[in-house]
PDB file of N, CA and C in Angstrom:
ATOM      1  N   MET A   1     -10.019 -21.476  45.250  1.00  0.00           N
ATOM      2  CA  MET A   1      -9.872 -21.262  43.903  1.00  0.00           C
ATOM      3  C   MET A   1     -11.222 -20.847  43.438  1.00  0.00           C
ATOM      4  N   ALA A   2     -11.392 -19.210  42.926  1.00  0.00           N
ATOM      5  CA  ALA A   2     -12.595 -19.077  42.175  1.00  0.00           C
ATOM      6  C   ALA A   2     -12.909 -19.202  40.799  1.00  0.00           C
ATOM      7  N   LYS A   3     -13.499 -19.779  40.316  1.00  0.00           N
ATOM      8  CA  LYS A   3     -13.628 -20.119  38.921  1.00  0.00           C
ATOM      9  C   LYS A   3     -15.199 -19.155  38.257  1.00  0.00           C
ATOM     10  N   SER A   4     -15.095 -18.572  37.084  1.00  0.00           N
ATOM     11  CA  SER A   4     -16.026 -17.965  36.687  1.00  0.00           C
ATOM     12  C   SER A   4     -15.982 -18.376  35.030  1.00  0.00           C
ATOM     13  N   MET A   5     -17.146 -18.787  34.493  1.00  0.00           N
ATOM     14  CA  MET A   5     -17.275 -18.629  33.109  1.00  0.00           C
ATOM     15  C   MET A   5     -17.954 -17.893  32.344  1.00  0.00           C
ATOM     16  N   ILE A   6     -17.659 -16.854  31.839  1.00  0.00           N
ATOM     17  CA  ILE A   6     -18.015 -15.786  31.164  1.00  0.00           C
ATOM     18  C   ILE A   6     -18.640 -15.472  29.820  1.00  0.00           C
ATOM     19  N   THR A   7     -19.925 -15.566  29.670  1.00  0.00           N
ATOM     20  CA  THR A   7     -20.352 -15.904  28.187  1.00  0.00           C
ATOM     21  C   THR A   7     -21.200 -14.350  27.812  1.00  0.00           C
ATOM     22  N   ASP A   8     -21.462 -13.246  28.600  1.00  0.00           N
ATOM     23  CA  ASP A   8     -22.220 -12.272  27.985  1.00  0.00           C
ATOM     24  C   ASP A   8     -21.175 -11.098  28.727  1.00  0.00           C
ATOM     25  N   ASN A   9     -21.622  -9.772  28.359  1.00  0.00           N
ATOM     26  CA  ASN A   9     -21.587  -8.741  28.433  1.00  0.00           C
ATOM     27  C   ASN A   9     -21.377  -7.904  29.692  1.00  0.00           C
ATOM     28  N   THR A  10     -21.939  -8.417  30.790  1.00  0.00           N
ATOM     29  CA  THR A  10     -22.089  -7.911  31.958  1.00  0.00           C
ATOM     30  C   THR A  10     -20.991  -7.751  32.754  1.00  0.00           C
ATOM     31  N   ALA A  11     -20.771  -7.260  34.053  1.00  0.00           N
ATOM     32  CA  ALA A  11     -19.733  -7.031  34.953  1.00  0.00           C
ATOM     33  C   ALA A  11     -19.758  -8.233  35.929  1.00  0.00           C
ATOM     34  N   THR A  12     -18.454  -8.760  36.107  1.00  0.00           N
ATOM     35  CA  THR A  12     -18.528 -10.168  36.503  1.00  0.00           C
ATOM     36  C   THR A  12     -17.453 -10.091  37.720  1.00  0.00           C
ATOM     37  N   ASN A  13     -18.080 -10.039  39.293  1.00  0.00           N
ATOM     38  CA  ASN A  13     -17.139  -9.978  40.233  1.00  0.00           C
ATOM     39  C   ASN A  13     -16.457 -11.379  40.442  1.00  0.00           C
ATOM     40  N   VAL A  14     -15.484 -11.924  40.150  1.00  0.00           N
ATOM     41  CA  VAL A  14     -15.243 -13.139  40.146  1.00  0.00           C
ATOM     42  C   VAL A  14     -14.723 -13.863  41.736  1.00  0.00           C
ATOM     43  N   LEU A  15     -14.067 -12.212  42.563  1.00  0.00           N
ATOM     44  CA  LEU A  15     -13.956 -12.809  43.900  1.00  0.00           C
ATOM     45  C   LEU A  15     -13.568 -11.611  44.415  1.00  0.00           C
ATOM     46  N   THR A  16     -13.906 -11.451  46.107  1.00  0.00           N
ATOM     47  CA  THR A  16     -13.971 -10.375  46.589  1.00  0.00           C
ATOM     48  C   THR A  16     -12.602 -10.821  47.720  1.00  0.00           C
ATOM     49  N   GLY A  17     -12.063  -9.577  47.919  1.00  0.00           N
ATOM     50  CA  GLY A  17     -10.338 -10.118  48.912  1.00  0.00           C
ATOM     51  C   GLY A  17      -9.506 -10.118  48.024  1.00  0.00           C
ATOM     52  N   ARG A  18      -8.224 -10.423  48.436  1.00  0.00           N
ATOM     53  CA  ARG A  18      -6.903 -10.426  48.433  1.00  0.00           C
ATOM     54  C   ARG A  18      -6.926 -11.854  46.983  1.00  0.00           C
ATOM     55  N   CYS A  19      -6.357 -11.102  45.918  1.00  0.00           N
ATOM     56  CA  CYS A  19      -6.250 -12.208  45.187  1.00  0.00           C
ATOM     57  C   CYS A  19      -4.965 -12.353  44.801  1.00  0.00           C
ATOM     58  N   PRO A  20      -3.863 -13.677  44.939  1.00  0.00           N
ATOM     59  CA  PRO A  20      -2.339 -13.436  44.594  1.00  0.00           C
ATOM     60  C   PRO A  20      -2.537 -13.804  42.876  1.00  0.00           C
ATOM     61  N   LYS A  21      -3.164 -14.660  42.460  1.00  0.00           N
ATOM     62  CA  LYS A  21      -3.338 -14.843  40.778  1.00  0.00           C
ATOM     63  C   LYS A  21      -4.345 -15.021  40.122  1.00  0.00           C
ATOM     64  N   VAL A  22      -4.442 -14.377  39.024  1.00  0.00           N
ATOM     65  CA  VAL A  22      -5.843 -14.564  37.885  1.00  0.00           C
ATOM     66  C   VAL A  22      -5.205 -14.975  37.257  1.00  0.00           C
ATOM     67  N   ILE A  23      -6.202 -16.093  36.130  1.00  0.00           N
ATOM     68  CA  ILE A  23      -5.523 -16.428  34.711  1.00  0.00           C
ATOM     69  C   ILE A  23      -7.089 -16.284  34.233  1.00  0.00           C
ATOM     70  N   ILE A  24      -6.974 -15.612  32.774  1.00  0.00           N
ATOM     71  CA  ILE A  24      -7.718 -15.733  32.279  1.00  0.00           C
ATOM     72  C   ILE A  24      -7.866 -16.493  30.433  1.00  0.00           C
ATOM     73  N   GLN A  25      -8.524 -17.636  30.598  1.00  0.00           N
ATOM     74  CA  GLN A  25      -8.665 -18.374  29.259  1.00  0.00           C
ATOM     75  C   GLN A  25      -9.349 -17.531  28.056  1.00  0.00           C
ATOM     76  N   VAL A  26      -9.126 -17.365  27.222  1.00  0.00           N
ATOM     77  CA  VAL A  26     -10.097 -17.232  25.603  1.00  0.00           C
ATOM     78  C   VAL A  26     -10.228 -18.407  25.297  1.00  0.00           C
ATOM     79  N   ASN A  27     -11.830 -18.654  25.375  1.00  0.00           N
ATOM     80  CA  ASN A  27     -12.302 -20.077  24.656  1.00  0.00           C
ATOM     81  C   ASN A  27     -12.758 -20.291  23.325  1.00  0.00           C
ATOM     82  N   ALA A  28     -13.145 -18.451  22.761  1.00  0.00           N
ATOM     83  CA  ALA A  28     -13.308 -18.178  21.493  1.00  0.00           C
ATOM     84  C   ALA A  28     -13.303 -16.979  21.191  1.00  0.00           C
ATOM     85  N   ALA A  29     -13.096 -16.564  20.097  1.00  0.00           N
ATOM     86  CA  ALA A  29     -12.422 -15.418  19.383  1.00  0.00           C
ATOM     87  C   ALA A  29     -13.511 -14.435  19.455  1.00  0.00           C
ATOM     88  N   LEU A  30     -12.898 -13.260  20.189  1.00  0.00           N
ATOM     89  CA  LEU A  30     -13.598 -12.062  20.866  1.00  0.00           C
ATOM     90  C   LEU A  30     -13.089 -11.027  19.959  1.00  0.00           C
ATOM     91  N   THR A  31     -14.294 -10.015  19.058  1.00  0.00           N
ATOM     92  CA  THR A  31     -14.189  -8.590  18.844  1.00  0.00           C
ATOM     93  C   THR A  31     -14.288  -7.480  19.590  1.00  0.00           C
ATOM     94  N   GLY A  32     -13.500  -7.154  20.609  1.00  0.00           N
ATOM     95  CA  GLY A  32     -13.424  -6.415  21.465  1.00  0.00           C
ATOM     96  C   GLY A  32     -13.062  -5.883  22.589  1.00  0.00           C
ATOM     97  N   ASN A  33     -13.053  -6.162  23.562  1.00  0.00           N
ATOM     98  CA  ASN A  33     -12.208  -6.136  24.871  1.00  0.00           C
ATOM     99  C   ASN A  33     -12.803  -6.539  25.916  1.00  0.00           C
ATOM    100  N   ILE A  34     -11.557  -6.894  26.667  1.00  0.00           N
ATOM    101  CA  ILE A  34     -12.153  -7.422  27.965  1.00  0.00           C
ATOM    102  C   ILE A  34     -11.451  -6.543  29.340  1.00  0.00           C
ATOM    103  N   LYS A  35     -12.036  -5.770  30.178  1.00  0.00           N
ATOM    104  CA  LYS A  35     -11.304  -5.368  31.185  1.00  0.00           C
ATOM    105  C   LYS A  35     -11.273  -6.097  32.238  1.00  0.00           C
ATOM    106  N   VAL A  36      -9.932  -5.446  32.589  1.00  0.00           N
ATOM    107  CA  VAL A  36      -9.417  -6.604  34.378  1.00  0.00           C
ATOM    108  C   VAL A  36      -9.300  -5.246  35.231  1.00  0.00           C
ATOM    109  N   ILE A  37     -10.286  -5.438  36.482  1.00  0.00           N
ATOM    110  CA  ILE A  37      -9.847  -4.695  37.230  1.00  0.00           C
ATOM    111  C   ILE A  37      -9.788  -5.427  38.954  1.00  0.00           C
ATOM    112  N   ASP A  38      -9.045  -4.715  39.509  1.00  0.00           N
ATOM    113  CA  ASP A  38      -8.823  -4.564  40.963  1.00  0.00           C
ATOM    114  C   ASP A  38      -9.836  -4.113  41.538  1.00  0.00           C
ATOM    115  N   GLY A  39     -10.800  -5.002  42.121  1.00  0.00           N
ATOM    116  CA  GLY A  39     -11.752  -4.269  42.838  1.00  0.00           C
ATOM    117  C   GLY A  39     -12.996  -5.137  42.388  1.00  0.00           C
ATOM    118  N   ILE A  40     -14.346  -4.939  43.118  1.00  0.00           N
ATOM    119  CA  ILE A  40     -15.748  -5.294  42.955  1.00  0.00           C
ATOM    120  C   ILE A  40     -16.651  -4.401  42.678  1.00  0.00           C
ATOM    121  N   SER A  41     -16.268  -2.894  42.459  1.00  0.00           N
ATOM    122  CA  SER A  41     -16.824  -2.146  41.795  1.00  0.00           C
ATOM    123  C   SER A  41     -16.646  -1.350  40.500  1.00  0.00           C
ATOM    124  N   GLY A  42     -17.085  -0.366  39.761  1.00  0.00           N
ATOM    125  CA  GLY A  42     -16.749   0.332  38.912  1.00  0.00           C
ATOM    126  C   GLY A  42     -16.107  -0.103  37.356  1.00  0.00           C
ATOM    127  N   THR A  43     -15.952   0.341  36.664  1.00  0.00           N
ATOM    128  CA  THR A  43     -15.918   0.034  35.392  1.00  0.00           C
ATOM    129  C   THR A  43     -14.688   0.372  34.270  1.00  0.00           C
ATOM    130  N   THR A  44     -13.206   0.973  35.102  1.00  0.00           N
ATOM    131  CA  THR A  44     -12.246   1.396  34.655  1.00  0.00           C
ATOM    132  C   THR A  44     -10.974   0.361  34.915  1.00  0.00           C
ATOM    133  N   ALA A  45     -11.030   0.138  33.833  1.00  0.00           N
ATOM    134  CA  ALA A  45      -9.742  -1.103  33.859  1.00  0.00           C
ATOM    135  C   ALA A  45      -8.397  -0.433  34.522  1.00  0.00           C
ATOM    136  N   ASP A  46      -8.138  -1.315  35.899  1.00  0.00           N
ATOM    137  CA  ASP A  46      -6.818  -0.559  36.250  1.00  0.00           C
ATOM    138  C   ASP A  46      -5.597  -1.779  36.161  1.00  0.00           C
ATOM    139  N   VAL A  47      -6.051  -2.737  35.849  1.00  0.00           N
ATOM    140  CA  VAL A  47      -5.044  -4.101  35.661  1.00  0.00           C
ATOM    141  C   VAL A  47      -4.637  -4.101  34.162  1.00  0.00           C
ATOM    142  N   ALA A  48      -5.675  -4.086  33.294  1.00  0.00           N
ATOM    143  CA  ALA A  48      -5.290  -4.401  32.197  1.00  0.00           C
ATOM    144  C   ALA A  48      -6.687  -4.574  31.160  1.00  0.00           C
ATOM    145  N   THR A  49      -6.748  -4.193  29.542  1.00  0.00           N
ATOM    146  CA  THR A  49      -7.628  -3.978  28.553  1.00  0.00           C
ATOM    147  C   THR A  49      -7.089  -5.203  27.614  1.00  0.00           C
ATOM    148  N   ILE A  50      -7.664  -5.960  27.403  1.00  0.00           N
ATOM    149  CA  ILE A  50      -7.558  -6.955  26.336  1.00  0.00           C
ATOM    150  C   ILE A  50      -8.199  -6.616  25.474  1.00  0.00           C
ATOM    151  N   THR A  51      -7.481  -6.716  24.452  1.00  0.00           N
ATOM    152  CA  THR A  51      -8.373  -5.967  23.168  1.00  0.00           C
ATOM    153  C   THR A  51      -8.330  -7.260  22.024  1.00  0.00           C
ATOM    154  N   ASN A  52      -9.196  -7.553  21.671  1.00  0.00           N
ATOM    155  CA  ASN A  52      -9.466  -8.624  20.263  1.00  0.00           C
ATOM    156  C   ASN A  52      -8.732  -9.864  20.529  1.00  0.00           C
ATOM    157  N   PRO A  53      -8.887 -10.337  21.754  1.00  0.00           N
ATOM    158  CA  PRO A  53      -8.092 -11.819  22.153  1.00  0.00           C
ATOM    159  C   PRO A  53      -8.921 -12.844  21.038  1.00  0.00           C
ATOM    160  N   THR A  54      -7.391 -13.706  20.927  1.00  0.00           N
ATOM    161  CA  THR A  54      -7.857 -14.819  20.088  1.00  0.00           C
ATOM    162  C   THR A  54      -8.196 -15.971  20.679  1.00  0.00           C
ATOM    163  N   VAL A  55      -8.766 -16.938  20.544  1.00  0.00           N
ATOM    164  CA  VAL A  55      -9.260 -18.485  20.389  1.00  0.00           C
ATOM    165  C   VAL A  55      -7.920 -19.235  21.413  1.00  0.00           C
ATOM    166  N   GLY A  56      -7.896 -19.335  22.575  1.00  0.00           N
ATOM    167  CA  GLY A  56      -6.489 -19.907  23.146  1.00  0.00           C
ATOM    168  C   GLY A  56      -5.732 -19.256  24.006  1.00  0.00           C
ATOM    169  N   SER A  57      -6.152 -17.897  23.654  1.00  0.00           N
ATOM    170  CA  SER A  57      -4.672 -17.289  24.990  1.00  0.00           C
ATOM    171  C   SER A  57      -5.170 -17.249  25.953  1.00  0.00           C
ATOM    172  N   ILE A  58      -3.885 -16.949  26.863  1.00  0.00           N
ATOM    173  CA  ILE A  58      -4.218 -17.122  28.125  1.00  0.00           C
ATOM    174  C   ILE A  58      -3.420 -16.187  28.841  1.00  0.00           C
ATOM    175  N   TYR A  59      -3.912 -15.228  29.599  1.00  0.00           N
ATOM    176  CA  TYR A  59      -3.491 -14.253  30.304  1.00  0.00           C
ATOM    177  C   TYR A  59      -3.283 -14.230  31.809  1.00  0.00           C
ATOM    178  N   GLU A  60      -1.908 -14.016  32.553  1.00  0.00           N
ATOM    179  CA  GLU A  60      -1.930 -14.124  33.941  1.00  0.00           C
ATOM    180  C   GLU A  60      -1.392 -12.946  34.392  1.00  0.00           C
ATOM    181  N   TYR A  61      -2.439 -12.346  35.634  1.00  0.00           N
ATOM    182  CA  TYR A  61      -1.872 -11.016  36.325  1.00  0.00           C
ATOM    183  C   TYR A  61      -1.811 -11.505  37.981  1.00  0.00           C
ATOM    184  N   TRP A  62      -1.650 -10.820  38.476  1.00  0.00           N
ATOM    185  CA  TRP A  62      -0.902 -10.977  40.029  1.00  0.00           C
ATOM    186  C   TRP A  62      -0.995  -9.737  41.009  1.00  0.00           C
ATOM    187  N   ASP A  63      -1.145 -10.045  42.358  1.00  0.00           N
ATOM    188  CA  ASP A  63      -1.369  -9.125  43.608  1.00  0.00           C
ATOM    189  C   ASP A  63      -2.575  -8.153  43.208  1.00  0.00           C
ATOM    190  N   PHE A  64      -3.586  -8.732  43.216  1.00  0.00           N
ATOM    191  CA  PHE A  64      -5.239  -8.045  43.594  1.00  0.00           C
ATOM    192  C   PHE A  64      -5.453  -7.614  44.980  1.00  0.00           C
ATOM    193  N   ALA A  65      -5.563  -6.562  45.462  1.00  0.00           N
ATOM    194  CA  ALA A  65      -5.549  -6.260  46.723  1.00  0.00           C
ATOM    195  C   ALA A  65      -7.127  -6.274  47.328  1.00  0.00           C
ATOM    196  N   THR A  66      -7.846  -5.706  46.198  1.00  0.00           N
ATOM    197  CA  THR A  66      -9.668  -5.774  46.928  1.00  0.00           C
ATOM    198  C   THR A  66     -10.319  -6.784  46.492  1.00  0.00           C
ATOM    199  N   GLY A  67     -10.560  -7.507  45.111  1.00  0.00           N
ATOM    200  CA  GLY A  67     -11.031  -8.096  44.507  1.00  0.00           C
ATOM    201  C   GLY A  67     -10.884  -8.459  43.101  1.00  0.00           C
ATOM    202  N   VAL A  68     -11.259  -9.393  42.323  1.00  0.00           N
ATOM    203  CA  VAL A  68     -11.316  -9.490  40.959  1.00  0.00           C
ATOM    204  C   VAL A  68     -12.748  -9.308  40.315  1.00  0.00           C
ATOM    205  N   ARG A  69     -12.600  -8.393  38.775  1.00  0.00           N
ATOM    206  CA  ARG A  69     -13.710  -7.895  38.472  1.00  0.00           C
ATOM    207  C   ARG A  69     -13.395  -7.803  36.828  1.00  0.00           C
ATOM    208  N   VAL A  70     -14.120  -8.377  36.141  1.00  0.00           N
ATOM    209  CA  VAL A  70     -14.258  -8.533  34.916  1.00  0.00           C
ATOM    210  C   VAL A  70     -15.533  -8.233  33.992  1.00  0.00           C
ATOM    211  N   ILE A  71     -15.092  -7.344  33.108  1.00  0.00           N
ATOM    212  CA  ILE A  71     -16.183  -7.116  32.057  1.00  0.00           C
ATOM    213  C   ILE A  71     -15.546  -6.947  30.689  1.00  0.00           C
ATOM    214  N   ALA A  72     -16.406  -7.541  29.821  1.00  0.00           N
ATOM    215  CA  ALA A  72     -16.780  -8.415  28.298  1.00  0.00           C
ATOM    216  C   ALA A  72     -17.072  -7.269  27.671  1.00  0.00           C
ATOM    217  N   SER A  73     -16.814  -6.819  26.679  1.00  0.00           N
ATOM    218  CA  SER A  73     -17.562  -5.818  25.916  1.00  0.00           C
ATOM    219  C   SER A  73     -18.545  -6.207  24.974  1.00  0.00           C
ATOM    220  N   THR A  74     -18.570  -7.475  24.741  1.00  0.00           N
ATOM    221  CA  THR A  74     -19.291  -8.045  23.999  1.00  0.00           C
ATOM    222  C   THR A  74     -19.693  -9.520  24.216  1.00  0.00           C
ATOM    223  N   THR A  75     -20.789 -10.547  24.175  1.00  0.00           N
ATOM    224  CA  THR A  75     -20.820 -11.601  24.028  1.00  0.00           C
ATOM    225  C   THR A  75     -19.672 -12.298  23.931  1.00  0.00           C
ATOM    226  N   CYS A  76     -19.058 -13.127  24.913  1.00  0.00           N
ATOM    227  CA  CYS A  76     -17.875 -13.979  24.632  1.00  0.00           C
ATOM    228  C   CYS A  76     -18.230 -15.243  25.136  1.00  0.00           C
ATOM    229  N   ASP A  77     -16.753 -16.321  25.762  1.00  0.00           N
ATOM    230  CA  ASP A  77     -16.614 -17.309  25.911  1.00  0.00           C
ATOM    231  C   ASP A  77     -15.335 -17.378  26.638  1.00  0.00           C
ATOM    232  N   ILE A  78     -15.407 -16.789  27.853  1.00  0.00           N
ATOM    233  CA  ILE A  78     -13.928 -16.605  28.880  1.00  0.00           C
ATOM    234  C   ILE A  78     -13.944 -17.720  30.141  1.00  0.00           C
ATOM    235  N   THR A  79     -13.363 -17.905  30.655  1.00  0.00           N
ATOM    236  CA  THR A  79     -13.080 -18.723  31.775  1.00  0.00           C
ATOM    237  C   THR A  79     -11.791 -18.062  32.622  1.00  0.00           C
ATOM    238  N   VAL A  80     -12.511 -17.270  34.240  1.00  0.00           N
ATOM    239  CA  VAL A  80     -11.535 -16.756  34.869  1.00  0.00           C
ATOM    240  C   VAL A  80     -11.081 -17.759  36.474  1.00  0.00           C
ATOM    241  N   SER A  81     -10.326 -18.253  36.317  1.00  0.00           N
ATOM    242  CA  SER A  81     -10.128 -18.523  37.538  1.00  0.00           C
ATOM    243  C   SER A  81      -8.670 -17.648  38.479  1.00  0.00           C
ATOM    244  N   ALA A  82      -9.399 -17.849  39.568  1.00  0.00           N
ATOM    245  CA  ALA A  82      -8.369 -16.687  40.548  1.00  0.00           C
ATOM    246  C   ALA A  82      -8.388 -17.668  41.736  1.00  0.00           C
ATOM    247  N   GLU A  83      -7.109 -17.285  42.622  1.00  0.00           N
ATOM    248  CA  GLU A  83      -6.545 -18.171  43.887  1.00  0.00           C
ATOM    249  C   GLU A  83      -6.886 -17.294  44.752  1.00  0.00           C
ATOM    250  N   SER A  84      -7.660 -17.536  45.904  1.00  0.00           N
ATOM    251  CA  SER A  84      -7.916 -16.208  47.130  1.00  0.00           C
ATOM    252  C   SER A  84      -6.877 -16.602  48.153  1.00  0.00           C
ATOM    253  N   GLY A  85      -6.688 -15.279  48.950  1.00  0.00           N
ATOM    254  CA  GLY A  85      -5.924 -15.271  50.061  1.00  0.00           C
ATOM    255  C   GLY A  85      -4.563 -15.049  49.665  1.00  0.00           C
ATOM    256  N   ILE A  86      -3.615 -15.271  50.545  1.00  0.00           N
ATOM    257  CA  ILE A  86      -1.990 -14.962  50.359  1.00  0.00           C
ATOM    258  C   ILE A  86      -1.429 -16.067  50.796  1.00  0.00           C
ATOM    259  N   GLY A  87      -0.221 -16.108  50.189  1.00  0.00           N
ATOM    260  CA  GLY A  87       0.857 -17.184  50.452  1.00  0.00           C
ATOM    261  C   GLY A  87       0.645 -18.093  49.836  1.00  0.00           C
ATOM    262  N   HIS A  88      -0.024 -18.034  48.298  1.00  0.00           N
ATOM    263  CA  HIS A  88       0.223 -18.639  47.070  1.00  0.00           C
ATOM    264  C   HIS A  88       1.405 -18.953  46.392  1.00  0.00           C
TER     265      HIS A  88
END
């Protein structure tokens, strides 16, 4: 399982390749948004845009084909966990 602690507003490639499940946990309230992308490039959210999440929020997403990329619009404190491979 790949795990990333994200604290800034840069694009973060959490995992490359197929991913059956992604969990995003918000550790501190965020005024802004988090883009969730199926891929390892680009900035267009094709899975989800999470807007103004509150502390303790947990989001689950399924069946990423090419990778997991997360972009926060501002300083943040989130944890992204991604399972790799298939058959989970």
